[in-house]
Amino acid sequence: MKVIQLPYFSRLPILTGYPVLRWTDADASIFQKFSGLEYGLRDKGRNGYVMEQVANFVQGCVSLLARFMLVAIFLFSAFDSKIRHFSQTAEYMASEGIPNPRLALFGAIGLILIGGLSLLAGAWTRIGAAFLFVFLAAATFYFHDFWMIADPTQRQLQIIQFMKNMAIGGGLLALIYAGGGPWSVDGWIEQKLEEAEITPAQKTKGPQRSKAA
């Protein structure tokens, strides 16, 4: 019985925990076979490098789009309702039983702005996503408590809102796990740290080779 081992993306373990895609030679050949792309490069090392750049480009696009899509609803909510209609929002929060509604609203705006700007720039992405997750969990518990509603229509509407917030929370948890991606301030810092670690190693190898020669 033949056992076929499928190619896979390996992950580069780093201190910050960001997953970085690395293409193996098997990945490159499979990609070319099914996509019909032929680069005319006989050197497998160069092929792997090209595939790695393609993977990093795709990862950068996807992570940037994910951050923008997640943060849009938070920033829009902050500026459209919470800041522009501060007093009305505070009164509504008081009617929902939130203690110290004005202070809580200030805290909510702070969490949204700090977390939202963090995700936009991709700077301290995990912390920013955690801030937004805390706000989302509190807002979901107080404003979409469908288990307290008797009217079937209103209950169904709040269930939908509750599930929507759960989906957004899942996206935030994914950012807390994966980070901002390569097209972010965090990714730029990570790249510079890797380059700083590689350069001294190359410098130390140089004199040893010259002595051996």
N, C-alpha and C. Protein backbone atom coordinates (compact mmCIF):
# COMPACT_ATOMS: atom_id res chain seq x y z
N MET A 1 0.86 -1.19 0.00
CA MET A 1 0.00 0.00 0.00
C MET A 1 0.89 1.23 0.00
N LYS A 2 0.63 2.12 -0.95
CA LYS A 2 1.43 3.33 -1.09
C LYS A 2 0.89 4.43 -0.20
N VAL A 3 1.77 5.06 0.53
CA VAL A 3 1.38 6.19 1.37
C VAL A 3 1.87 7.46 0.69
N ILE A 4 0.96 8.37 0.41
CA ILE A 4 1.31 9.62 -0.27
C ILE A 4 1.36 10.72 0.77
N GLN A 5 2.50 11.39 0.85
CA GLN A 5 2.65 12.50 1.79
C GLN A 5 2.38 13.80 1.06
N LEU A 6 1.36 14.51 1.49
CA LEU A 6 0.99 15.75 0.81
C LEU A 6 1.93 16.88 1.21
N PRO A 7 2.23 17.77 0.27
CA PRO A 7 3.07 18.93 0.62
C PRO A 7 2.31 19.87 1.54
N TYR A 8 3.03 20.67 2.27
CA TYR A 8 2.39 21.56 3.23
C TYR A 8 3.25 22.80 3.40
N PHE A 9 2.62 23.83 3.94
CA PHE A 9 3.34 25.05 4.30
C PHE A 9 3.93 24.86 5.69
N SER A 10 5.21 25.10 5.81
CA SER A 10 5.82 25.05 7.13
C SER A 10 5.74 26.42 7.75
N ARG A 11 5.78 26.47 9.04
CA ARG A 11 5.69 27.75 9.75
C ARG A 11 7.02 28.08 10.40
N LEU A 12 7.37 29.34 10.34
CA LEU A 12 8.61 29.80 10.92
C LEU A 12 8.34 30.21 12.36
N PRO A 13 8.83 29.45 13.35
CA PRO A 13 8.56 29.83 14.74
C PRO A 13 9.37 31.06 15.12
N ILE A 14 8.70 32.10 15.56
CA ILE A 14 9.35 33.32 16.00
C ILE A 14 8.76 33.76 17.32
N LEU A 15 9.44 34.66 17.99
CA LEU A 15 9.03 35.04 19.34
C LEU A 15 7.67 35.71 19.36
N THR A 16 7.38 36.49 18.31
CA THR A 16 6.12 37.22 18.32
C THR A 16 4.94 36.34 17.97
N GLY A 17 5.17 35.14 17.45
CA GLY A 17 4.08 34.23 17.17
C GLY A 17 3.38 34.44 15.85
N TYR A 18 3.92 35.29 14.97
CA TYR A 18 3.26 35.49 13.69
C TYR A 18 3.54 34.32 12.77
N PRO A 19 2.52 33.73 12.18
CA PRO A 19 2.76 32.65 11.22
C PRO A 19 3.28 33.21 9.91
N VAL A 20 4.37 32.71 9.43
CA VAL A 20 4.95 33.15 8.17
C VAL A 20 4.97 31.97 7.24
N LEU A 21 4.38 32.11 6.05
CA LEU A 21 4.31 31.00 5.11
C LEU A 21 5.68 30.76 4.49
N ARG A 22 6.09 29.51 4.44
CA ARG A 22 7.32 29.10 3.77
C ARG A 22 6.97 28.00 2.78
N TRP A 23 7.33 28.17 1.52
CA TRP A 23 7.02 27.18 0.50
C TRP A 23 8.15 26.17 0.41
N THR A 24 7.80 24.91 0.37
CA THR A 24 8.77 23.86 0.11
C THR A 24 8.86 23.63 -1.40
N ASP A 25 9.88 22.88 -1.84
CA ASP A 25 10.00 22.58 -3.27
C ASP A 25 8.79 21.80 -3.78
N ALA A 26 8.25 20.91 -2.94
CA ALA A 26 7.06 20.16 -3.32
C ALA A 26 5.87 21.09 -3.53
N ASP A 27 5.74 22.12 -2.65
CA ASP A 27 4.67 23.10 -2.81
C ASP A 27 4.79 23.82 -4.14
N ALA A 28 6.02 24.20 -4.51
CA ALA A 28 6.24 24.93 -5.75
C ALA A 28 5.85 24.09 -6.97
N SER A 29 6.25 22.80 -6.97
CA SER A 29 5.93 21.95 -8.12
C SER A 29 4.44 21.71 -8.23
N ILE A 30 3.76 21.49 -7.10
CA ILE A 30 2.31 21.28 -7.13
C ILE A 30 1.60 22.54 -7.62
N PHE A 31 2.07 23.70 -7.17
CA PHE A 31 1.45 24.96 -7.58
C PHE A 31 1.59 25.16 -9.09
N GLN A 32 2.78 24.88 -9.63
CA GLN A 32 3.00 25.03 -11.06
C GLN A 32 2.16 24.03 -11.85
N LYS A 33 2.02 22.81 -11.34
CA LYS A 33 1.30 21.77 -12.05
C LYS A 33 -0.17 22.12 -12.23
N PHE A 34 -0.80 22.64 -11.16
CA PHE A 34 -2.22 22.90 -11.21
C PHE A 34 -2.54 24.30 -11.74
N SER A 35 -1.61 25.23 -11.67
CA SER A 35 -1.88 26.57 -12.15
C SER A 35 -1.43 26.77 -13.59
N GLY A 36 -0.55 25.87 -14.07
CA GLY A 36 -0.06 26.00 -15.43
C GLY A 36 1.04 27.03 -15.57
N LEU A 37 1.56 27.53 -14.47
CA LEU A 37 2.63 28.54 -14.52
C LEU A 37 3.97 27.86 -14.68
N GLU A 38 4.73 28.29 -15.64
CA GLU A 38 6.07 27.77 -15.84
C GLU A 38 7.03 28.95 -15.85
N TYR A 39 7.90 29.01 -14.88
CA TYR A 39 8.81 30.14 -14.75
C TYR A 39 10.09 29.95 -15.54
N GLY A 40 10.34 28.74 -16.00
CA GLY A 40 11.57 28.51 -16.73
C GLY A 40 12.79 28.54 -15.84
N LEU A 41 12.62 28.33 -14.55
CA LEU A 41 13.74 28.35 -13.61
C LEU A 41 14.09 26.91 -13.25
N ARG A 42 15.27 26.50 -13.57
CA ARG A 42 15.65 25.13 -13.26
C ARG A 42 16.10 24.98 -11.82
N ASP A 43 16.50 26.07 -11.25
CA ASP A 43 17.00 26.01 -9.88
C ASP A 43 15.82 25.93 -8.92
N LYS A 44 15.71 24.85 -8.17
CA LYS A 44 14.58 24.69 -7.24
C LYS A 44 14.62 25.71 -6.12
N GLY A 45 15.83 26.13 -5.74
CA GLY A 45 15.92 27.14 -4.68
C GLY A 45 15.29 28.45 -5.12
N ARG A 46 15.53 28.85 -6.37
CA ARG A 46 14.93 30.07 -6.88
C ARG A 46 13.43 29.92 -7.04
N ASN A 47 13.00 28.73 -7.46
CA ASN A 47 11.57 28.46 -7.56
C ASN A 47 10.90 28.62 -6.20
N GLY A 48 11.51 28.05 -5.19
CA GLY A 48 10.96 28.16 -3.84
C GLY A 48 10.89 29.60 -3.38
N TYR A 49 11.90 30.39 -3.76
CA TYR A 49 11.90 31.81 -3.37
C TYR A 49 10.74 32.56 -4.02
N VAL A 50 10.49 32.28 -5.32
CA VAL A 50 9.39 32.93 -6.01
C VAL A 50 8.06 32.57 -5.36
N MET A 51 7.89 31.30 -5.06
CA MET A 51 6.65 30.86 -4.44
C MET A 51 6.46 31.47 -3.05
N GLU A 52 7.58 31.63 -2.36
CA GLU A 52 7.50 32.25 -1.03
C GLU A 52 7.06 33.69 -1.12
N GLN A 53 7.56 34.42 -2.13
CA GLN A 53 7.15 35.80 -2.31
C GLN A 53 5.67 35.90 -2.67
N VAL A 54 5.20 34.98 -3.53
CA VAL A 54 3.78 34.97 -3.87
C VAL A 54 2.93 34.71 -2.63
N ALA A 55 3.36 33.75 -1.81
CA ALA A 55 2.61 33.43 -0.59
C ALA A 55 2.57 34.60 0.37
N ASN A 56 3.71 35.29 0.54
CA ASN A 56 3.75 36.44 1.44
C ASN A 56 2.89 37.58 0.92
N PHE A 57 2.85 37.76 -0.42
CA PHE A 57 2.01 38.80 -1.01
C PHE A 57 0.53 38.51 -0.75
N VAL A 58 0.13 37.27 -0.96
CA VAL A 58 -1.27 36.89 -0.73
C VAL A 58 -1.62 37.03 0.75
N GLN A 59 -0.71 36.60 1.61
CA GLN A 59 -0.96 36.71 3.05
C GLN A 59 -1.08 38.16 3.47
N GLY A 60 -0.25 39.03 2.90
CA GLY A 60 -0.33 40.45 3.22
C GLY A 60 -1.64 41.06 2.80
N CYS A 61 -2.10 40.75 1.56
CA CYS A 61 -3.38 41.28 1.07
C CYS A 61 -4.54 40.82 1.94
N VAL A 62 -4.58 39.53 2.24
CA VAL A 62 -5.70 38.97 3.00
C VAL A 62 -5.74 39.53 4.42
N SER A 63 -4.59 39.60 5.09
CA SER A 63 -4.57 40.09 6.47
C SER A 63 -4.93 41.58 6.53
N LEU A 64 -4.46 42.38 5.55
CA LEU A 64 -4.79 43.80 5.52
C LEU A 64 -6.29 44.01 5.30
N LEU A 65 -6.86 43.28 4.34
CA LEU A 65 -8.29 43.39 4.08
C LEU A 65 -9.11 42.94 5.29
N ALA A 66 -8.67 41.89 5.95
CA ALA A 66 -9.39 41.40 7.14
C ALA A 66 -9.40 42.45 8.25
N ARG A 67 -8.26 43.10 8.46
CA ARG A 67 -8.19 44.14 9.50
C ARG A 67 -9.11 45.30 9.18
N PHE A 68 -9.10 45.75 7.92
CA PHE A 68 -9.95 46.88 7.53
C PHE A 68 -11.44 46.54 7.64
N MET A 69 -11.80 45.34 7.23
CA MET A 69 -13.21 44.95 7.29
C MET A 69 -13.70 44.83 8.73
N LEU A 70 -12.85 44.34 9.61
CA LEU A 70 -13.25 44.20 11.02
C LEU A 70 -13.36 45.55 11.72
N VAL A 71 -12.44 46.44 11.42
CA VAL A 71 -12.39 47.70 12.16
C VAL A 71 -13.43 48.70 11.66
N ALA A 72 -13.93 48.52 10.43
CA ALA A 72 -14.86 49.50 9.85
C ALA A 72 -16.11 49.66 10.70
N ILE A 73 -16.72 48.56 11.13
CA ILE A 73 -17.97 48.64 11.88
C ILE A 73 -17.76 49.30 13.25
N PHE A 74 -16.60 49.09 13.85
CA PHE A 74 -16.34 49.69 15.17
C PHE A 74 -16.15 51.19 15.06
N LEU A 75 -15.32 51.64 14.12
CA LEU A 75 -15.06 53.08 13.99
C LEU A 75 -16.31 53.82 13.52
N PHE A 76 -17.08 53.21 12.62
CA PHE A 76 -18.32 53.85 12.18
C PHE A 76 -19.28 54.01 13.35
N SER A 77 -19.40 52.99 14.16
CA SER A 77 -20.28 53.05 15.32
C SER A 77 -19.82 54.11 16.32
N ALA A 78 -18.50 54.20 16.51
CA ALA A 78 -17.97 55.16 17.48
C ALA A 78 -18.26 56.59 17.06
N PHE A 79 -18.01 56.93 15.80
CA PHE A 79 -18.18 58.30 15.35
C PHE A 79 -19.64 58.64 15.06
N ASP A 80 -20.41 57.68 14.55
CA ASP A 80 -21.78 57.99 14.12
C ASP A 80 -22.75 58.08 15.29
N SER A 81 -22.64 57.20 16.25
CA SER A 81 -23.62 57.20 17.34
C SER A 81 -23.03 57.62 18.68
N LYS A 82 -21.89 57.08 19.02
CA LYS A 82 -21.38 57.30 20.37
C LYS A 82 -20.80 58.70 20.57
N ILE A 83 -20.11 59.23 19.58
CA ILE A 83 -19.51 60.56 19.72
C ILE A 83 -20.48 61.65 19.29
N ARG A 84 -21.13 61.48 18.14
CA ARG A 84 -22.06 62.50 17.64
C ARG A 84 -23.30 62.62 18.52
N HIS A 85 -23.77 61.52 19.04
CA HIS A 85 -24.98 61.53 19.87
C HIS A 85 -24.64 60.96 21.25
N PHE A 86 -23.72 61.63 21.90
CA PHE A 86 -23.20 61.11 23.17
C PHE A 86 -24.29 61.05 24.24
N SER A 87 -25.05 62.13 24.40
CA SER A 87 -26.06 62.18 25.48
C SER A 87 -27.16 61.15 25.25
N GLN A 88 -27.65 61.05 24.00
CA GLN A 88 -28.70 60.08 23.71
C GLN A 88 -28.22 58.65 23.93
N THR A 89 -26.97 58.38 23.56
CA THR A 89 -26.43 57.03 23.76
C THR A 89 -26.28 56.72 25.24
N ALA A 90 -25.85 57.71 26.02
CA ALA A 90 -25.72 57.50 27.47
C ALA A 90 -27.08 57.23 28.11
N GLU A 91 -28.12 57.93 27.65
CA GLU A 91 -29.46 57.69 28.18
C GLU A 91 -29.94 56.29 27.83
N TYR A 92 -29.66 55.86 26.61
CA TYR A 92 -30.06 54.51 26.20
C TYR A 92 -29.32 53.46 27.02
N MET A 93 -28.05 53.70 27.30
CA MET A 93 -27.28 52.77 28.13
C MET A 93 -27.85 52.70 29.54
N ALA A 94 -28.28 53.85 30.07
CA ALA A 94 -28.89 53.85 31.41
C ALA A 94 -30.18 53.06 31.42
N SER A 95 -30.97 53.15 30.33
CA SER A 95 -32.23 52.41 30.26
C SER A 95 -32.01 50.90 30.19
N GLU A 96 -30.81 50.50 29.72
CA GLU A 96 -30.48 49.07 29.65
C GLU A 96 -29.87 48.55 30.95
N GLY A 97 -29.76 49.42 31.95
CA GLY A 97 -29.27 48.99 33.26
C GLY A 97 -27.76 49.03 33.42
N ILE A 98 -27.07 49.78 32.57
CA ILE A 98 -25.61 49.88 32.69
C ILE A 98 -25.26 50.90 33.77
N PRO A 99 -24.47 50.54 34.77
CA PRO A 99 -24.11 51.49 35.82
C PRO A 99 -23.13 52.55 35.29
N ASN A 100 -23.28 53.77 35.81
CA ASN A 100 -22.44 54.91 35.38
C ASN A 100 -22.34 54.98 33.85
N PRO A 101 -23.45 55.23 33.19
CA PRO A 101 -23.48 55.13 31.73
C PRO A 101 -22.53 56.09 31.02
N ARG A 102 -22.40 57.31 31.52
CA ARG A 102 -21.51 58.28 30.85
C ARG A 102 -20.05 57.84 30.96
N LEU A 103 -19.68 57.37 32.14
CA LEU A 103 -18.31 56.88 32.31
C LEU A 103 -18.07 55.63 31.47
N ALA A 104 -19.06 54.75 31.44
CA ALA A 104 -18.94 53.54 30.62
C ALA A 104 -18.84 53.89 29.15
N LEU A 105 -19.56 54.93 28.72
CA LEU A 105 -19.51 55.34 27.31
C LEU A 105 -18.14 55.91 26.96
N PHE A 106 -17.57 56.69 27.87
CA PHE A 106 -16.20 57.19 27.65
C PHE A 106 -15.22 56.02 27.50
N GLY A 107 -15.38 55.02 28.38
CA GLY A 107 -14.51 53.84 28.30
C GLY A 107 -14.70 53.08 27.00
N ALA A 108 -15.96 52.96 26.56
CA ALA A 108 -16.24 52.25 25.31
C ALA A 108 -15.61 52.97 24.12
N ILE A 109 -15.74 54.30 24.09
CA ILE A 109 -15.14 55.08 22.99
C ILE A 109 -13.63 54.93 23.00
N GLY A 110 -13.03 54.95 24.20
CA GLY A 110 -11.58 54.77 24.29
C GLY A 110 -11.13 53.42 23.78
N LEU A 111 -11.85 52.37 24.17
CA LEU A 111 -11.50 51.02 23.69
C LEU A 111 -11.61 50.92 22.17
N ILE A 112 -12.69 51.51 21.63
CA ILE A 112 -12.91 51.42 20.18
C ILE A 112 -11.83 52.19 19.42
N LEU A 113 -11.54 53.41 19.86
CA LEU A 113 -10.57 54.23 19.13
C LEU A 113 -9.16 53.64 19.21
N ILE A 114 -8.75 53.23 20.41
CA ILE A 114 -7.41 52.65 20.55
C ILE A 114 -7.31 51.33 19.78
N GLY A 115 -8.30 50.47 19.98
CA GLY A 115 -8.28 49.19 19.28
C GLY A 115 -8.42 49.35 17.78
N GLY A 116 -9.28 50.26 17.34
CA GLY A 116 -9.50 50.45 15.91
C GLY A 116 -8.27 51.00 15.20
N LEU A 117 -7.65 52.03 15.78
CA LEU A 117 -6.45 52.59 15.16
C LEU A 117 -5.30 51.58 15.19
N SER A 118 -5.26 50.77 16.24
CA SER A 118 -4.23 49.73 16.32
C SER A 118 -4.38 48.73 15.18
N LEU A 119 -5.62 48.32 14.90
CA LEU A 119 -5.85 47.37 13.81
C LEU A 119 -5.61 48.00 12.44
N LEU A 120 -5.97 49.27 12.28
CA LEU A 120 -5.74 49.94 11.00
C LEU A 120 -4.26 49.97 10.65
N ALA A 121 -3.44 50.35 11.63
CA ALA A 121 -2.00 50.44 11.37
C ALA A 121 -1.31 49.09 11.50
N GLY A 122 -1.94 48.15 12.16
CA GLY A 122 -1.29 46.87 12.43
C GLY A 122 -0.20 47.00 13.47
N ALA A 123 -0.36 47.94 14.39
CA ALA A 123 0.62 48.16 15.45
C ALA A 123 0.04 47.65 16.77
N TRP A 124 0.77 46.76 17.44
CA TRP A 124 0.26 46.11 18.65
C TRP A 124 -1.11 45.51 18.34
N THR A 125 -1.17 44.77 17.25
CA THR A 125 -2.45 44.28 16.72
C THR A 125 -3.17 43.39 17.71
N ARG A 126 -2.44 42.53 18.39
CA ARG A 126 -3.08 41.61 19.34
C ARG A 126 -3.72 42.38 20.50
N ILE A 127 -3.04 43.41 20.98
CA ILE A 127 -3.60 44.21 22.08
C ILE A 127 -4.83 44.97 21.61
N GLY A 128 -4.74 45.58 20.42
CA GLY A 128 -5.89 46.30 19.87
C GLY A 128 -7.08 45.40 19.65
N ALA A 129 -6.85 44.20 19.12
CA ALA A 129 -7.95 43.25 18.92
C ALA A 129 -8.54 42.81 20.26
N ALA A 130 -7.70 42.69 21.28
CA ALA A 130 -8.21 42.32 22.61
C ALA A 130 -9.09 43.43 23.18
N PHE A 131 -8.72 44.71 22.98
CA PHE A 131 -9.55 45.84 23.43
C PHE A 131 -10.92 45.79 22.77
N LEU A 132 -10.93 45.58 21.45
CA LEU A 132 -12.20 45.52 20.74
C LEU A 132 -13.03 44.32 21.17
N PHE A 133 -12.37 43.22 21.49
CA PHE A 133 -13.10 42.03 21.93
C PHE A 133 -13.76 42.28 23.28
N VAL A 134 -13.08 42.96 24.19
CA VAL A 134 -13.66 43.29 25.50
C VAL A 134 -14.90 44.16 25.32
N PHE A 135 -14.78 45.20 24.48
CA PHE A 135 -15.94 46.06 24.22
C PHE A 135 -17.09 45.26 23.61
N LEU A 136 -16.77 44.42 22.63
CA LEU A 136 -17.81 43.65 21.94
C LEU A 136 -18.52 42.70 22.90
N ALA A 137 -17.77 42.05 23.77
CA ALA A 137 -18.38 41.11 24.72
C ALA A 137 -19.33 41.84 25.67
N ALA A 138 -18.92 43.00 26.17
CA ALA A 138 -19.78 43.76 27.09
C ALA A 138 -21.02 44.27 26.37
N ALA A 139 -20.84 44.81 25.15
CA ALA A 139 -21.98 45.33 24.39
C ALA A 139 -22.97 44.22 24.04
N THR A 140 -22.46 43.06 23.70
CA THR A 140 -23.33 41.93 23.35
C THR A 140 -24.14 41.48 24.56
N PHE A 141 -23.50 41.43 25.71
CA PHE A 141 -24.18 40.95 26.91
C PHE A 141 -25.30 41.91 27.34
N TYR A 142 -25.06 43.22 27.26
CA TYR A 142 -26.03 44.19 27.76
C TYR A 142 -27.12 44.52 26.73
N PHE A 143 -26.76 44.60 25.45
CA PHE A 143 -27.71 45.11 24.45
C PHE A 143 -28.37 44.03 23.61
N HIS A 144 -27.86 42.83 23.62
CA HIS A 144 -28.44 41.77 22.80
C HIS A 144 -28.76 40.54 23.66
N ASP A 145 -29.31 40.79 24.84
CA ASP A 145 -29.67 39.72 25.77
C ASP A 145 -31.03 39.13 25.39
N PHE A 146 -31.03 38.35 24.34
CA PHE A 146 -32.28 37.79 23.80
C PHE A 146 -32.97 36.88 24.80
N TRP A 147 -32.22 36.32 25.73
CA TRP A 147 -32.81 35.42 26.72
C TRP A 147 -33.73 36.15 27.70
N MET A 148 -33.69 37.49 27.69
CA MET A 148 -34.54 38.28 28.59
C MET A 148 -35.77 38.82 27.87
N ILE A 149 -35.93 38.55 26.58
CA ILE A 149 -37.01 39.13 25.79
C ILE A 149 -38.10 38.09 25.57
N ALA A 150 -39.35 38.50 25.82
CA ALA A 150 -40.48 37.58 25.68
C ALA A 150 -41.09 37.63 24.28
N ASP A 151 -41.10 38.81 23.65
CA ASP A 151 -41.72 38.95 22.33
C ASP A 151 -40.92 38.16 21.29
N PRO A 152 -41.59 37.26 20.55
CA PRO A 152 -40.86 36.38 19.61
C PRO A 152 -40.12 37.14 18.51
N THR A 153 -40.74 38.20 17.98
CA THR A 153 -40.12 38.96 16.89
C THR A 153 -38.86 39.66 17.38
N GLN A 154 -38.99 40.37 18.50
CA GLN A 154 -37.82 41.07 19.05
C GLN A 154 -36.75 40.08 19.50
N ARG A 155 -37.17 38.96 20.01
CA ARG A 155 -36.22 37.93 20.44
C ARG A 155 -35.41 37.42 19.26
N GLN A 156 -36.10 37.18 18.13
CA GLN A 156 -35.41 36.69 16.94
C GLN A 156 -34.42 37.74 16.41
N LEU A 157 -34.80 38.99 16.43
CA LEU A 157 -33.89 40.06 15.99
C LEU A 157 -32.64 40.12 16.85
N GLN A 158 -32.83 39.99 18.16
CA GLN A 158 -31.67 40.06 19.06
C GLN A 158 -30.79 38.80 18.94
N ILE A 159 -31.39 37.67 18.61
CA ILE A 159 -30.59 36.46 18.37
C ILE A 159 -29.68 36.68 17.16
N ILE A 160 -30.24 37.30 16.11
CA ILE A 160 -29.44 37.58 14.91
C ILE A 160 -28.29 38.52 15.25
N GLN A 161 -28.56 39.58 16.02
CA GLN A 161 -27.51 40.51 16.42
C GLN A 161 -26.46 39.82 17.29
N PHE A 162 -26.93 38.95 18.16
CA PHE A 162 -26.01 38.21 19.03
C PHE A 162 -25.07 37.32 18.21
N MET A 163 -25.63 36.60 17.24
CA MET A 163 -24.82 35.73 16.39
C MET A 163 -23.86 36.53 15.52
N LYS A 164 -24.30 37.70 15.04
CA LYS A 164 -23.43 38.57 14.25
C LYS A 164 -22.22 38.99 15.08
N ASN A 165 -22.47 39.38 16.33
CA ASN A 165 -21.36 39.79 17.19
C ASN A 165 -20.43 38.62 17.50
N MET A 166 -21.00 37.42 17.59
CA MET A 166 -20.15 36.25 17.79
C MET A 166 -19.21 36.04 16.61
N ALA A 167 -19.72 36.27 15.40
CA ALA A 167 -18.88 36.13 14.20
C ALA A 167 -17.76 37.18 14.20
N ILE A 168 -18.09 38.41 14.57
CA ILE A 168 -17.07 39.46 14.64
C ILE A 168 -16.04 39.11 15.71
N GLY A 169 -16.53 38.60 16.84
CA GLY A 169 -15.61 38.20 17.90
C GLY A 169 -14.67 37.09 17.45
N GLY A 170 -15.17 36.17 16.62
CA GLY A 170 -14.30 35.13 16.08
C GLY A 170 -13.19 35.71 15.22
N GLY A 171 -13.52 36.73 14.43
CA GLY A 171 -12.49 37.40 13.63
C GLY A 171 -11.45 38.08 14.50
N LEU A 172 -11.89 38.70 15.59
CA LEU A 172 -10.94 39.35 16.51
C LEU A 172 -10.04 38.33 17.19
N LEU A 173 -10.61 37.21 17.58
CA LEU A 173 -9.79 36.15 18.20
C LEU A 173 -8.76 35.62 17.20
N ALA A 174 -9.14 35.55 15.92
CA ALA A 174 -8.18 35.12 14.90
C ALA A 174 -7.01 36.11 14.80
N LEU A 175 -7.30 37.40 14.91
CA LEU A 175 -6.23 38.40 14.89
C LEU A 175 -5.36 38.30 16.14
N ILE A 176 -5.99 38.02 17.28
CA ILE A 176 -5.20 37.85 18.51
C ILE A 176 -4.24 36.68 18.36
N TYR A 177 -4.67 35.65 17.66
CA TYR A 177 -3.81 34.48 17.45
C TYR A 177 -2.73 34.74 16.40
N ALA A 178 -3.14 35.29 15.24
CA ALA A 178 -2.23 35.38 14.09
C ALA A 178 -1.48 36.69 14.01
N GLY A 179 -1.98 37.76 14.64
CA GLY A 179 -1.32 39.05 14.53
C GLY A 179 -1.74 39.82 13.30
N GLY A 180 -1.02 40.89 13.01
CA GLY A 180 -1.41 41.81 11.94
C GLY A 180 -0.99 41.38 10.55
N GLY A 181 -0.13 40.39 10.43
CA GLY A 181 0.32 39.95 9.10
C GLY A 181 1.52 40.75 8.63
N PRO A 182 2.05 40.39 7.45
CA PRO A 182 3.28 41.03 6.98
C PRO A 182 3.11 42.50 6.60
N TRP A 183 1.91 42.90 6.15
CA TRP A 183 1.68 44.30 5.78
C TRP A 183 1.13 45.07 6.97
N SER A 184 1.93 45.22 7.98
CA SER A 184 1.54 45.92 9.20
C SER A 184 2.80 46.44 9.89
N VAL A 185 2.60 47.32 10.84
CA VAL A 185 3.75 47.82 11.61
C VAL A 185 4.41 46.67 12.37
N ASP A 186 3.59 45.79 12.93
CA ASP A 186 4.14 44.62 13.63
C ASP A 186 4.97 43.75 12.69
N GLY A 187 4.44 43.54 11.47
CA GLY A 187 5.17 42.73 10.51
C GLY A 187 6.48 43.38 10.09
N TRP A 188 6.48 44.72 9.95
CA TRP A 188 7.70 45.44 9.59
C TRP A 188 8.75 45.32 10.69
N ILE A 189 8.31 45.47 11.94
CA ILE A 189 9.24 45.34 13.08
C ILE A 189 9.80 43.92 13.14
N GLU A 190 8.92 42.95 12.91
CA GLU A 190 9.35 41.55 12.93
C GLU A 190 10.40 41.28 11.86
N GLN A 191 10.19 41.84 10.67
CA GLN A 191 11.14 41.65 9.57
C GLN A 191 12.49 42.26 9.91
N LYS A 192 12.48 43.46 10.51
CA LYS A 192 13.74 44.12 10.87
C LYS A 192 14.48 43.32 11.95
N LEU A 193 13.74 42.74 12.88
CA LEU A 193 14.37 41.92 13.92
C LEU A 193 15.01 40.68 13.32
N GLU A 194 14.33 40.07 12.34
CA GLU A 194 14.90 38.90 11.67
C GLU A 194 16.17 39.27 10.91
N GLU A 195 16.14 40.42 10.23
CA GLU A 195 17.32 40.86 9.49
C GLU A 195 18.48 41.16 10.44
N ALA A 196 18.16 41.73 11.60
CA ALA A 196 19.20 42.03 12.58
C ALA A 196 19.82 40.76 13.15
N GLU A 197 19.02 39.68 13.25
CA GLU A 197 19.55 38.42 13.75
C GLU A 197 20.39 37.71 12.69
N ILE A 198 20.00 37.85 11.41
CA ILE A 198 20.72 37.17 10.34
C ILE A 198 22.06 37.83 10.05
N THR A 199 22.13 39.17 10.09
CA THR A 199 23.35 39.90 9.72
C THR A 199 24.55 39.55 10.60
N PRO A 200 24.43 39.55 11.95
CA PRO A 200 25.59 39.17 12.75
C PRO A 200 26.07 37.75 12.47
N ALA A 201 25.13 36.83 12.18
CA ALA A 201 25.51 35.45 11.89
C ALA A 201 26.33 35.39 10.60
N GLN A 202 25.97 36.18 9.60
CA GLN A 202 26.72 36.21 8.36
C GLN A 202 28.10 36.81 8.56
N LYS A 203 28.18 37.82 9.43
CA LYS A 203 29.47 38.46 9.68
C LYS A 203 30.44 37.51 10.39
N THR A 204 29.90 36.69 11.30
CA THR A 204 30.76 35.76 12.03
C THR A 204 31.24 34.62 11.14
N LYS A 205 30.43 34.25 10.13
CA LYS A 205 30.82 33.18 9.24
C LYS A 205 31.92 33.62 8.28
N GLY A 206 31.98 34.93 7.96
CA GLY A 206 32.96 35.45 7.01
C GLY A 206 34.41 35.22 7.42
N PRO A 207 34.82 35.67 8.63
CA PRO A 207 36.21 35.47 9.06
C PRO A 207 36.59 34.00 9.17
N GLN A 208 35.63 33.12 9.58
CA GLN A 208 35.96 31.70 9.71
C GLN A 208 36.29 31.10 8.36
N ARG A 209 35.57 31.50 7.31
CA ARG A 209 35.86 30.99 5.99
C ARG A 209 37.21 31.45 5.48
N SER A 210 37.55 32.74 5.76
CA SER A 210 38.83 33.26 5.30
C SER A 210 39.99 32.57 6.00
N LYS A 211 39.82 32.23 7.28
CA LYS A 211 40.88 31.52 8.01
C LYS A 211 41.07 30.12 7.45
N ALA A 212 39.94 29.47 7.14
CA ALA A 212 40.03 28.11 6.61
C ALA A 212 40.71 28.12 5.25
N ALA A 213 40.48 29.19 4.47
CA ALA A 213 41.12 29.29 3.16
C ALA A 213 42.62 29.53 3.32
